[in-house]
PDB file of all heavy atoms in Angstrom:
ATOM      1  N   VAL A   1      17.106 -81.440 -14.166  1.00  0.00           N
ATOM      2  CA  VAL A   1      18.402 -82.096 -14.377  1.00  0.00           C
ATOM      3  C   VAL A   1      18.146 -83.436 -15.068  1.00  0.00           C
ATOM      4  O   VAL A   1      17.156 -84.103 -14.766  1.00  0.00           O
ATOM      5  CB  VAL A   1      19.129 -82.355 -13.025  1.00  0.00           C
ATOM      6  CG1 VAL A   1      20.424 -83.125 -13.232  1.00  0.00           C
ATOM      7  CG2 VAL A   1      19.422 -81.053 -12.303  1.00  0.00           C
ATOM      8  N   ASP A   2      19.032 -83.831 -15.965  1.00  0.00           N
ATOM      9  CA  ASP A   2      18.949 -85.150 -16.601  1.00  0.00           C
ATOM     10  C   ASP A   2      18.919 -86.225 -15.502  1.00  0.00           C
ATOM     11  O   ASP A   2      19.823 -86.290 -14.665  1.00  0.00           O
ATOM     12  CB  ASP A   2      20.175 -85.334 -17.496  1.00  0.00           C
ATOM     13  CG  ASP A   2      20.209 -86.672 -18.228  1.00  0.00           C
ATOM     14  OD1 ASP A   2      19.415 -87.572 -17.887  1.00  0.00           O
ATOM     15  OD2 ASP A   2      21.041 -86.810 -19.141  1.00  0.00           O
ATOM     16  N   PRO A   3      17.882 -87.081 -15.475  1.00  0.00           N
ATOM     17  CA  PRO A   3      17.800 -88.122 -14.435  1.00  0.00           C
ATOM     18  C   PRO A   3      19.033 -89.015 -14.375  1.00  0.00           C
ATOM     19  O   PRO A   3      19.399 -89.493 -13.291  1.00  0.00           O
ATOM     20  CB  PRO A   3      16.563 -88.923 -14.842  1.00  0.00           C
ATOM     21  CG  PRO A   3      15.728 -87.956 -15.623  1.00  0.00           C
ATOM     22  CD  PRO A   3      16.708 -87.079 -16.353  1.00  0.00           C
ATOM     23  N   SER A   4      19.695 -89.211 -15.502  1.00  0.00           N
ATOM     24  CA  SER A   4      20.906 -90.043 -15.491  1.00  0.00           C
ATOM     25  C   SER A   4      22.046 -89.357 -14.747  1.00  0.00           C
ATOM     26  O   SER A   4      22.897 -90.022 -14.142  1.00  0.00           O
ATOM     27  CB  SER A   4      21.341 -90.380 -16.917  1.00  0.00           C
ATOM     28  OG  SER A   4      20.389 -91.237 -17.531  1.00  0.00           O
ATOM     29  N   ALA A   5      22.072 -88.023 -14.791  1.00  0.00           N
ATOM     30  CA  ALA A   5      23.080 -87.285 -14.019  1.00  0.00           C
ATOM     31  C   ALA A   5      22.820 -87.461 -12.525  1.00  0.00           C
ATOM     32  O   ALA A   5      23.756 -87.560 -11.727  1.00  0.00           O
ATOM     33  CB  ALA A   5      23.044 -85.804 -14.393  1.00  0.00           C
ATOM     34  N   VAL A   6      21.540 -87.507 -12.152  1.00  0.00           N
ATOM     35  CA  VAL A   6      21.168 -87.717 -10.748  1.00  0.00           C
ATOM     36  C   VAL A   6      21.669 -89.086 -10.276  1.00  0.00           C
ATOM     37  O   VAL A   6      22.283 -89.216  -9.209  1.00  0.00           O
ATOM     38  CB  VAL A   6      19.631 -87.616 -10.566  1.00  0.00           C
ATOM     39  CG1 VAL A   6      19.232 -87.969  -9.134  1.00  0.00           C
ATOM     40  CG2 VAL A   6      19.149 -86.218 -10.924  1.00  0.00           C
ATOM     41  N   GLU A   7      21.417 -90.106 -11.086  1.00  0.00           N
ATOM     42  CA  GLU A   7      21.859 -91.460 -10.748  1.00  0.00           C
ATOM     43  C   GLU A   7      23.387 -91.519 -10.663  1.00  0.00           C
ATOM     44  O   GLU A   7      23.950 -92.133  -9.741  1.00  0.00           O
ATOM     45  CB  GLU A   7      21.358 -92.445 -11.808  1.00  0.00           C
ATOM     46  CG  GLU A   7      21.758 -93.882 -11.537  1.00  0.00           C
ATOM     47  CD  GLU A   7      21.472 -94.817 -12.712  1.00  0.00           C
ATOM     48  OE1 GLU A   7      21.516 -94.348 -13.879  1.00  0.00           O
ATOM     49  OE2 GLU A   7      21.220 -95.996 -12.468  1.00  0.00           O
ATOM     50  N   PHE A   8      24.073 -90.868 -11.596  1.00  0.00           N
ATOM     51  CA  PHE A   8      25.536 -90.854 -11.644  1.00  0.00           C
ATOM     52  C   PHE A   8      26.115 -90.240 -10.366  1.00  0.00           C
ATOM     53  O   PHE A   8      27.010 -90.813  -9.729  1.00  0.00           O
ATOM     54  CB  PHE A   8      25.996 -90.064 -12.877  1.00  0.00           C
ATOM     55  CG  PHE A   8      27.481 -89.935 -13.022  1.00  0.00           C
ATOM     56  CD1 PHE A   8      28.221 -90.957 -13.608  1.00  0.00           C
ATOM     57  CD2 PHE A   8      28.150 -88.802 -12.579  1.00  0.00           C
ATOM     58  CE1 PHE A   8      29.601 -90.843 -13.742  1.00  0.00           C
ATOM     59  CE2 PHE A   8      29.523 -88.681 -12.710  1.00  0.00           C
ATOM     60  CZ  PHE A   8      30.260 -89.704 -13.289  1.00  0.00           C
ATOM     61  N   VAL A   9      25.595 -89.063  -9.971  1.00  0.00           N
ATOM     62  CA  VAL A   9      26.084 -88.378  -8.770  1.00  0.00           C
ATOM     63  C   VAL A   9      25.805 -89.209  -7.521  1.00  0.00           C
ATOM     64  O   VAL A   9      26.662 -89.345  -6.644  1.00  0.00           O
ATOM     65  CB  VAL A   9      25.437 -86.973  -8.636  1.00  0.00           C
ATOM     66  CG1 VAL A   9      25.769 -86.347  -7.283  1.00  0.00           C
ATOM     67  CG2 VAL A   9      25.901 -86.060  -9.762  1.00  0.00           C
ATOM     68  N   ALA A  10      24.602 -89.787  -7.445  1.00  0.00           N
ATOM     69  CA  ALA A  10      24.239 -90.594  -6.279  1.00  0.00           C
ATOM     70  C   ALA A  10      25.198 -91.773  -6.098  1.00  0.00           C
ATOM     71  O   ALA A  10      25.643 -92.068  -4.978  1.00  0.00           O
ATOM     72  CB  ALA A  10      22.802 -91.092  -6.417  1.00  0.00           C
ATOM     73  N   LYS A  11      25.519 -92.446  -7.199  1.00  0.00           N
ATOM     74  CA  LYS A  11      26.433 -93.588  -7.123  1.00  0.00           C
ATOM     75  C   LYS A  11      27.833 -93.151  -6.721  1.00  0.00           C
ATOM     76  O   LYS A  11      28.487 -93.784  -5.887  1.00  0.00           O
ATOM     77  CB  LYS A  11      26.469 -94.313  -8.473  1.00  0.00           C
ATOM     78  CG  LYS A  11      25.237 -95.168  -8.741  1.00  0.00           C
ATOM     79  CD  LYS A  11      25.338 -95.865 -10.087  1.00  0.00           C
ATOM     80  CE  LYS A  11      24.127 -96.779 -10.322  1.00  0.00           C
ATOM     81  NZ  LYS A  11      24.179 -97.400 -11.666  1.00  0.00           N
ATOM     82  N   LYS A  12      28.324 -92.066  -7.323  1.00  0.00           N
ATOM     83  CA  LYS A  12      29.671 -91.576  -7.041  1.00  0.00           C
ATOM     84  C   LYS A  12      29.814 -91.138  -5.584  1.00  0.00           C
ATOM     85  O   LYS A  12      30.859 -91.315  -4.963  1.00  0.00           O
ATOM     86  CB  LYS A  12      30.026 -90.416  -7.979  1.00  0.00           C
ATOM     87  CG  LYS A  12      30.276 -90.824  -9.418  1.00  0.00           C
ATOM     88  CD  LYS A  12      31.578 -91.599  -9.538  1.00  0.00           C
ATOM     89  CE  LYS A  12      31.912 -91.932 -10.987  1.00  0.00           C
ATOM     90  NZ  LYS A  12      33.160 -92.739 -11.088  1.00  0.00           N
ATOM     91  N   LYS A  13      28.774 -90.541  -5.029  1.00  0.00           N
ATOM     92  CA  LYS A  13      28.828 -90.034  -3.667  1.00  0.00           C
ATOM     93  C   LYS A  13      28.322 -91.046  -2.638  1.00  0.00           C
ATOM     94  O   LYS A  13      28.387 -90.801  -1.431  1.00  0.00           O
ATOM     95  CB  LYS A  13      28.035 -88.728  -3.553  1.00  0.00           C
ATOM     96  CG  LYS A  13      28.726 -87.541  -4.233  1.00  0.00           C
ATOM     97  CD  LYS A  13      28.050 -86.236  -3.897  1.00  0.00           C
ATOM     98  CE  LYS A  13      28.913 -85.047  -4.278  1.00  0.00           C
ATOM     99  NZ  LYS A  13      30.060 -84.842  -3.356  1.00  0.00           N
ATOM    100  N   GLY A  14      27.783 -92.170  -3.121  1.00  0.00           N
ATOM    101  CA  GLY A  14      27.278 -93.191  -2.209  1.00  0.00           C
ATOM    102  C   GLY A  14      26.011 -92.781  -1.486  1.00  0.00           C
ATOM    103  O   GLY A  14      25.759 -93.198  -0.350  1.00  0.00           O
ATOM    104  N   PHE A  15      25.196 -91.936  -2.153  1.00  0.00           N
ATOM    105  CA  PHE A  15      23.960 -91.464  -1.540  1.00  0.00           C
ATOM    106  C   PHE A  15      22.843 -92.491  -1.652  1.00  0.00           C
ATOM    107  O   PHE A  15      22.702 -93.168  -2.669  1.00  0.00           O
ATOM    108  CB  PHE A  15      23.474 -90.178  -2.229  1.00  0.00           C
ATOM    109  CG  PHE A  15      24.275 -88.938  -1.909  1.00  0.00           C
ATOM    110  CD1 PHE A  15      24.237 -87.842  -2.770  1.00  0.00           C
ATOM    111  CD2 PHE A  15      25.028 -88.840  -0.750  1.00  0.00           C
ATOM    112  CE1 PHE A  15      24.947 -86.693  -2.486  1.00  0.00           C
ATOM    113  CE2 PHE A  15      25.745 -87.690  -0.461  1.00  0.00           C
ATOM    114  CZ  PHE A  15      25.710 -86.611  -1.335  1.00  0.00           C
ATOM    115  N   THR A  16      22.010 -92.555  -0.633  1.00  0.00           N
ATOM    116  CA  THR A  16      20.732 -93.270  -0.736  1.00  0.00           C
ATOM    117  C   THR A  16      19.789 -92.376  -1.533  1.00  0.00           C
ATOM    118  O   THR A  16      20.043 -91.166  -1.695  1.00  0.00           O
ATOM    119  CB  THR A  16      20.125 -93.516   0.656  1.00  0.00           C
ATOM    120  OG1 THR A  16      19.800 -92.248   1.241  1.00  0.00           O
ATOM    121  CG2 THR A  16      21.080 -94.292   1.549  1.00  0.00           C
ATOM    122  N   PRO A  17      18.650 -92.920  -2.021  1.00  0.00           N
ATOM    123  CA  PRO A  17      17.690 -92.063  -2.732  1.00  0.00           C
ATOM    124  C   PRO A  17      17.251 -90.848  -1.899  1.00  0.00           C
ATOM    125  O   PRO A  17      17.153 -89.736  -2.420  1.00  0.00           O
ATOM    126  CB  PRO A  17      16.521 -93.008  -3.012  1.00  0.00           C
ATOM    127  CG  PRO A  17      17.163 -94.357  -3.133  1.00  0.00           C
ATOM    128  CD  PRO A  17      18.264 -94.348  -2.126  1.00  0.00           C
ATOM    129  N   ASP A  18      16.999 -91.063  -0.598  1.00  0.00           N
ATOM    130  CA  ASP A  18      16.577 -89.947   0.259  1.00  0.00           C
ATOM    131  C   ASP A  18      17.676 -88.907   0.400  1.00  0.00           C
ATOM    132  O   ASP A  18      17.414 -87.696   0.407  1.00  0.00           O
ATOM    133  CB  ASP A  18      16.184 -90.463   1.653  1.00  0.00           C
ATOM    134  CG  ASP A  18      14.821 -91.146   1.654  1.00  0.00           C
ATOM    135  OD1 ASP A  18      14.099 -91.034   0.637  1.00  0.00           O
ATOM    136  OD2 ASP A  18      14.484 -91.796   2.660  1.00  0.00           O
ATOM    137  N   GLU A  19      18.913 -89.359   0.509  1.00  0.00           N
ATOM    138  CA  GLU A  19      20.045 -88.424   0.623  1.00  0.00           C
ATOM    139  C   GLU A  19      20.230 -87.632  -0.665  1.00  0.00           C
ATOM    140  O   GLU A  19      20.525 -86.429  -0.638  1.00  0.00           O
ATOM    141  CB  GLU A  19      21.326 -89.189   0.958  1.00  0.00           C
ATOM    142  CG  GLU A  19      21.365 -89.704   2.390  1.00  0.00           C
ATOM    143  CD  GLU A  19      22.520 -90.658   2.648  1.00  0.00           C
ATOM    144  OE1 GLU A  19      23.066 -91.246   1.672  1.00  0.00           O
ATOM    145  OE2 GLU A  19      22.865 -90.855   3.834  1.00  0.00           O
ATOM    146  N   MET A  20      20.023 -88.278  -1.816  1.00  0.00           N
ATOM    147  CA  MET A  20      20.153 -87.583  -3.091  1.00  0.00           C
ATOM    148  C   MET A  20      19.046 -86.555  -3.256  1.00  0.00           C
ATOM    149  O   MET A  20      19.269 -85.447  -3.750  1.00  0.00           O
ATOM    150  CB  MET A  20      20.125 -88.597  -4.252  1.00  0.00           C
ATOM    151  CG  MET A  20      20.482 -87.980  -5.600  1.00  0.00           C
ATOM    152  SD  MET A  20      22.183 -87.354  -5.645  1.00  0.00           S
ATOM    153  CE  MET A  20      22.053 -86.087  -6.923  1.00  0.00           C
ATOM    154  N   THR A  21      17.829 -86.913  -2.820  1.00  0.00           N
ATOM    155  CA  THR A  21      16.707 -85.974  -2.884  1.00  0.00           C
ATOM    156  C   THR A  21      16.991 -84.738  -2.032  1.00  0.00           C
ATOM    157  O   THR A  21      16.758 -83.605  -2.456  1.00  0.00           O
ATOM    158  CB  THR A  21      15.408 -86.655  -2.409  1.00  0.00           C
ATOM    159  OG1 THR A  21      15.117 -87.729  -3.302  1.00  0.00           O
ATOM    160  CG2 THR A  21      14.233 -85.685  -2.422  1.00  0.00           C
ATOM    161  N   ALA A  22      17.514 -84.968  -0.837  1.00  0.00           N
ATOM    162  CA  ALA A  22      17.858 -83.848   0.048  1.00  0.00           C
ATOM    163  C   ALA A  22      18.967 -82.994  -0.572  1.00  0.00           C
ATOM    164  O   ALA A  22      18.948 -81.756  -0.476  1.00  0.00           O
ATOM    165  CB  ALA A  22      18.300 -84.371   1.412  1.00  0.00           C
ATOM    166  N   TYR A  23      19.940 -83.640  -1.209  1.00  0.00           N
ATOM    167  CA  TYR A  23      21.056 -82.947  -1.871  1.00  0.00           C
ATOM    168  C   TYR A  23      20.534 -82.004  -2.961  1.00  0.00           C
ATOM    169  O   TYR A  23      20.984 -80.864  -3.087  1.00  0.00           O
ATOM    170  CB  TYR A  23      21.982 -84.002  -2.472  1.00  0.00           C
ATOM    171  CG  TYR A  23      23.320 -83.525  -2.977  1.00  0.00           C
ATOM    172  CD1 TYR A  23      24.265 -82.973  -2.121  1.00  0.00           C
ATOM    173  CD2 TYR A  23      23.658 -83.673  -4.324  1.00  0.00           C
ATOM    174  CE1 TYR A  23      25.508 -82.576  -2.588  1.00  0.00           C
ATOM    175  CE2 TYR A  23      24.902 -83.283  -4.800  1.00  0.00           C
ATOM    176  CZ  TYR A  23      25.827 -82.725  -3.922  1.00  0.00           C
ATOM    177  OH  TYR A  23      27.063 -82.339  -4.392  1.00  0.00           O
ATOM    178  N   MET A  24      19.559 -82.469  -3.735  1.00  0.00           N
ATOM    179  CA  MET A  24      19.007 -81.659  -4.828  1.00  0.00           C
ATOM    180  C   MET A  24      18.061 -80.575  -4.325  1.00  0.00           C
ATOM    181  O   MET A  24      17.945 -79.516  -4.940  1.00  0.00           O
ATOM    182  CB  MET A  24      18.280 -82.558  -5.834  1.00  0.00           C
ATOM    183  CG  MET A  24      19.197 -83.507  -6.579  1.00  0.00           C
ATOM    184  SD  MET A  24      18.340 -84.388  -7.917  1.00  0.00           S
ATOM    185  CE  MET A  24      17.221 -85.418  -6.975  1.00  0.00           C
ATOM    186  N   ASN A  25      17.392 -80.843  -3.206  1.00  0.00           N
ATOM    187  CA  ASN A  25      16.415 -79.885  -2.687  1.00  0.00           C
ATOM    188  C   ASN A  25      17.010 -78.836  -1.766  1.00  0.00           C
ATOM    189  O   ASN A  25      16.524 -77.702  -1.719  1.00  0.00           O
ATOM    190  CB  ASN A  25      15.311 -80.626  -1.916  1.00  0.00           C
ATOM    191  CG  ASN A  25      14.169 -81.063  -2.815  1.00  0.00           C
ATOM    192  OD1 ASN A  25      13.380 -80.253  -3.262  1.00  0.00           O
ATOM    193  ND2 ASN A  25      14.095 -82.355  -3.078  1.00  0.00           N
ATOM    194  N   LYS A  26      18.061 -79.217  -1.020  1.00  0.00           N
ATOM    195  CA  LYS A  26      18.529 -78.338   0.052  1.00  0.00           C
ATOM    196  C   LYS A  26      19.966 -77.838  -0.087  1.00  0.00           C
ATOM    197  O   LYS A  26      20.366 -76.908   0.589  1.00  0.00           O
ATOM    198  CB  LYS A  26      18.380 -79.053   1.403  1.00  0.00           C
ATOM    199  CG  LYS A  26      16.924 -79.381   1.737  1.00  0.00           C
ATOM    200  CD  LYS A  26      16.799 -80.114   3.056  1.00  0.00           C
ATOM    201  CE  LYS A  26      15.335 -80.415   3.361  1.00  0.00           C
ATOM    202  NZ  LYS A  26      15.185 -81.184   4.638  1.00  0.00           N
ATOM    203  N   GLN A  27      20.742 -78.469  -0.997  1.00  0.00           N
ATOM    204  CA  GLN A  27      22.148 -78.075  -1.111  1.00  0.00           C
ATOM    205  C   GLN A  27      22.528 -77.643  -2.521  1.00  0.00           C
ATOM    206  O   GLN A  27      23.703 -77.436  -2.809  1.00  0.00           O
ATOM    207  CB  GLN A  27      23.042 -79.243  -0.682  1.00  0.00           C
ATOM    208  CG  GLN A  27      22.844 -79.661   0.769  1.00  0.00           C
ATOM    209  CD  GLN A  27      23.682 -80.881   1.120  1.00  0.00           C
ATOM    210  OE1 GLN A  27      24.879 -80.936   0.850  1.00  0.00           O
ATOM    211  NE2 GLN A  27      23.043 -81.885   1.713  1.00  0.00           N
ATOM    212  N   SER A  28      21.546 -77.508  -3.386  1.00  0.00           N
ATOM    213  CA  SER A  28      21.822 -77.199  -4.788  1.00  0.00           C
ATOM    214  C   SER A  28      21.398 -75.767  -5.130  1.00  0.00           C
ATOM    215  O   SER A  28      21.420 -74.894  -4.275  1.00  0.00           O
ATOM    216  CB  SER A  28      21.111 -78.231  -5.675  1.00  0.00           C
ATOM    217  OG  SER A  28      21.566 -79.538  -5.372  1.00  0.00           O
ATOM    218  N   GLY A  29      21.024 -75.531  -6.382  1.00  0.00           N
ATOM    219  CA  GLY A  29      20.541 -74.215  -6.780  1.00  0.00           C
ATOM    220  C   GLY A  29      21.549 -73.100  -6.582  1.00  0.00           C
ATOM    221  O   GLY A  29      22.755 -73.290  -6.751  1.00  0.00           O
ATOM    222  N   PHE A  30      21.052 -71.916  -6.204  1.00  0.00           N
ATOM    223  CA  PHE A  30      21.921 -70.752  -5.992  1.00  0.00           C
ATOM    224  C   PHE A  30      23.048 -71.108  -5.014  1.00  0.00           C
ATOM    225  O   PHE A  30      24.209 -70.767  -5.228  1.00  0.00           O
ATOM    226  CB  PHE A  30      21.142 -69.576  -5.393  1.00  0.00           C
ATOM    227  CG  PHE A  30      20.049 -69.004  -6.264  1.00  0.00           C
ATOM    228  CD1 PHE A  30      19.755 -69.517  -7.515  1.00  0.00           C
ATOM    229  CD2 PHE A  30      19.304 -67.925  -5.809  1.00  0.00           C
ATOM    230  CE1 PHE A  30      18.745 -68.976  -8.294  1.00  0.00           C
ATOM    231  CE2 PHE A  30      18.288 -67.376  -6.579  1.00  0.00           C
ATOM    232  CZ  PHE A  30      18.005 -67.902  -7.823  1.00  0.00           C
ATOM    233  N   LEU A  31      22.654 -71.784  -3.913  1.00  0.00           N
ATOM    234  CA  LEU A  31      23.615 -72.127  -2.866  1.00  0.00           C
ATOM    235  C   LEU A  31      24.697 -73.062  -3.384  1.00  0.00           C
ATOM    236  O   LEU A  31      25.901 -72.817  -3.187  1.00  0.00           O
ATOM    237  CB  LEU A  31      22.880 -72.782  -1.690  1.00  0.00           C
ATOM    238  CG  LEU A  31      23.748 -73.285  -0.532  1.00  0.00           C
ATOM    239  CD1 LEU A  31      24.480 -72.131   0.144  1.00  0.00           C
ATOM    240  CD2 LEU A  31      22.898 -74.037   0.489  1.00  0.00           C
ATOM    241  N   GLY A  32      24.276 -74.113  -4.057  1.00  0.00           N
ATOM    242  CA  GLY A  32      25.228 -75.115  -4.523  1.00  0.00           C
ATOM    243  C   GLY A  32      26.156 -74.617  -5.616  1.00  0.00           C
ATOM    244  O   GLY A  32      27.358 -74.912  -5.609  1.00  0.00           O
ATOM    245  N   VAL A  33      25.609 -73.856  -6.560  1.00  0.00           N
ATOM    246  CA  VAL A  33      26.427 -73.373  -7.681  1.00  0.00           C
ATOM    247  C   VAL A  33      27.353 -72.241  -7.240  1.00  0.00           C
ATOM    248  O   VAL A  33      28.524 -72.198  -7.612  1.00  0.00           O
ATOM    249  CB  VAL A  33      25.533 -72.914  -8.860  1.00  0.00           C
ATOM    250  CG1 VAL A  33      26.393 -72.327  -9.988  1.00  0.00           C
ATOM    251  CG2 VAL A  33      24.704 -74.087  -9.395  1.00  0.00           C
ATOM    252  N   SER A  34      26.830 -71.323  -6.429  1.00  0.00           N
ATOM    253  CA  SER A  34      27.634 -70.165  -6.027  1.00  0.00           C
ATOM    254  C   SER A  34      28.609 -70.495  -4.906  1.00  0.00           C
ATOM    255  O   SER A  34      29.692 -69.904  -4.817  1.00  0.00           O
ATOM    256  CB  SER A  34      26.729 -69.020  -5.555  1.00  0.00           C
ATOM    257  OG  SER A  34      26.151 -69.310  -4.291  1.00  0.00           O
ATOM    258  N   GLY A  35      28.203 -71.431  -4.028  1.00  0.00           N
ATOM    259  CA  GLY A  35      29.019 -71.705  -2.856  1.00  0.00           C
ATOM    260  C   GLY A  35      28.947 -70.591  -1.831  1.00  0.00           C
ATOM    261  O   GLY A  35      29.701 -70.577  -0.847  1.00  0.00           O
ATOM    262  N   ILE A  36      28.006 -69.652  -2.036  1.00  0.00           N
ATOM    263  CA  ILE A  36      27.928 -68.462  -1.176  1.00  0.00           C
ATOM    264  C   ILE A  36      26.636 -68.425  -0.371  1.00  0.00           C
ATOM    265  O   ILE A  36      26.640 -68.357   0.858  1.00  0.00           O
ATOM    266  CB  ILE A  36      28.000 -67.165  -2.026  1.00  0.00           C
ATOM    267  CG1 ILE A  36      29.349 -67.071  -2.724  1.00  0.00           C
ATOM    268  CG2 ILE A  36      27.752 -65.929  -1.162  1.00  0.00           C
ATOM    269  CD1 ILE A  36      29.402 -65.997  -3.776  1.00  0.00           C
ATOM    270  N   SER A  37      25.500 -68.460  -1.074  1.00  0.00           N
ATOM    271  CA  SER A  37      24.218 -68.214  -0.423  1.00  0.00           C
ATOM    272  C   SER A  37      23.080 -68.689  -1.299  1.00  0.00           C
ATOM    273  O   SER A  37      23.230 -68.833  -2.515  1.00  0.00           O
ATOM    274  CB  SER A  37      24.067 -66.703  -0.156  1.00  0.00           C
ATOM    275  OG  SER A  37      22.773 -66.391   0.327  1.00  0.00           O
ATOM    276  N   SER A  38      21.915 -68.901  -0.662  1.00  0.00           N
ATOM    277  CA  SER A  38      20.696 -69.223  -1.410  1.00  0.00           C
ATOM    278  C   SER A  38      19.883 -67.965  -1.688  1.00  0.00           C
ATOM    279  O   SER A  38      18.863 -68.025  -2.366  1.00  0.00           O
ATOM    280  CB  SER A  38      19.837 -70.211  -0.610  1.00  0.00           C
ATOM    281  OG  SER A  38      19.426 -69.620   0.617  1.00  0.00           O
ATOM    282  N   ASP A  39      20.325 -66.821  -1.161  1.00  0.00           N
ATOM    283  CA  ASP A  39      19.594 -65.557  -1.275  1.00  0.00           C
ATOM    284  C   ASP A  39      20.068 -64.771  -2.493  1.00  0.00           C
ATOM    285  O   ASP A  39      21.270 -64.481  -2.617  1.00  0.00           O
ATOM    286  CB  ASP A  39      19.784 -64.730  -0.003  1.00  0.00           C
ATOM    287  CG  ASP A  39      18.832 -63.549   0.088  1.00  0.00           C
ATOM    288  OD1 ASP A  39      18.778 -62.749  -0.880  1.00  0.00           O
ATOM    289  OD2 ASP A  39      18.142 -63.411   1.113  1.00  0.00           O
ATOM    290  N   ASN A  40      19.131 -64.412  -3.360  1.00  0.00           N
ATOM    291  CA  ASN A  40      19.489 -63.708  -4.590  1.00  0.00           C
ATOM    292  C   ASN A  40      20.200 -62.392  -4.325  1.00  0.00           C
ATOM    293  O   ASN A  40      21.052 -61.960  -5.112  1.00  0.00           O
ATOM    294  CB  ASN A  40      18.232 -63.466  -5.437  1.00  0.00           C
ATOM    295  CG  ASN A  40      18.553 -62.784  -6.767  1.00  0.00           C
ATOM    296  OD1 ASN A  40      19.237 -63.350  -7.610  1.00  0.00           O
ATOM    297  ND2 ASN A  40      18.094 -61.545  -6.932  1.00  0.00           N
ATOM    298  N   ARG A  41      19.875 -61.722  -3.225  1.00  0.00           N
ATOM    299  CA  ARG A  41      20.533 -60.446  -2.908  1.00  0.00           C
ATOM    300  C   ARG A  41      22.031 -60.651  -2.694  1.00  0.00           C
ATOM    301  O   ARG A  41      22.851 -59.843  -3.168  1.00  0.00           O
ATOM    302  CB  ARG A  41      19.885 -59.810  -1.670  1.00  0.00           C
ATOM    303  CG  ARG A  41      18.471 -59.311  -1.923  1.00  0.00           C
ATOM    304  CD  ARG A  41      17.724 -59.011  -0.641  1.00  0.00           C
ATOM    305  NE  ARG A  41      17.439 -60.236   0.116  1.00  0.00           N
ATOM    306  CZ  ARG A  41      16.612 -60.288   1.149  1.00  0.00           C
ATOM    307  NH1 ARG A  41      15.995 -59.201   1.561  1.00  0.00           N
ATOM    308  NH2 ARG A  41      16.410 -61.435   1.787  1.00  0.00           N
ATOM    309  N   ASP A  42      22.382 -61.740  -2.015  1.00  0.00           N
ATOM    310  CA  ASP A  42      23.804 -62.049  -1.810  1.00  0.00           C
ATOM    311  C   ASP A  42      24.470 -62.430  -3.124  1.00  0.00           C
ATOM    312  O   ASP A  42      25.627 -62.070  -3.373  1.00  0.00           O
ATOM    313  CB  ASP A  42      23.950 -63.205  -0.817  1.00  0.00           C
ATOM    314  CG  ASP A  42      23.384 -62.875   0.556  1.00  0.00           C
ATOM    315  OD1 ASP A  42      23.363 -61.681   0.922  1.00  0.00           O
ATOM    316  OD2 ASP A  42      22.951 -63.820   1.260  1.00  0.00           O
ATOM    317  N   ILE A  43      23.725 -63.143  -3.964  1.00  0.00           N
ATOM    318  CA  ILE A  43      24.253 -63.559  -5.274  1.00  0.00           C
ATOM    319  C   ILE A  43      24.548 -62.334  -6.138  1.00  0.00           C
ATOM    320  O   ILE A  43      25.616 -62.223  -6.751  1.00  0.00           O
ATOM    321  CB  ILE A  43      23.257 -64.485  -6.009  1.00  0.00           C
ATOM    322  CG1 ILE A  43      23.000 -65.778  -5.215  1.00  0.00           C
ATOM    323  CG2 ILE A  43      23.748 -64.798  -7.422  1.00  0.00           C
ATOM    324  CD1 ILE A  43      24.208 -66.661  -5.023  1.00  0.00           C
TER     325      ILE A  43
END
């Protein structure tokens, strides 16, 4: 992801650096985009 997009989202959501890292690592990807699951079979 463009690092500037990361900074933009963090500021808008009021995230600390650790919270933003967790957001990108644990709430994004298949899960974040689909809103359904992190499992490809469900996707």
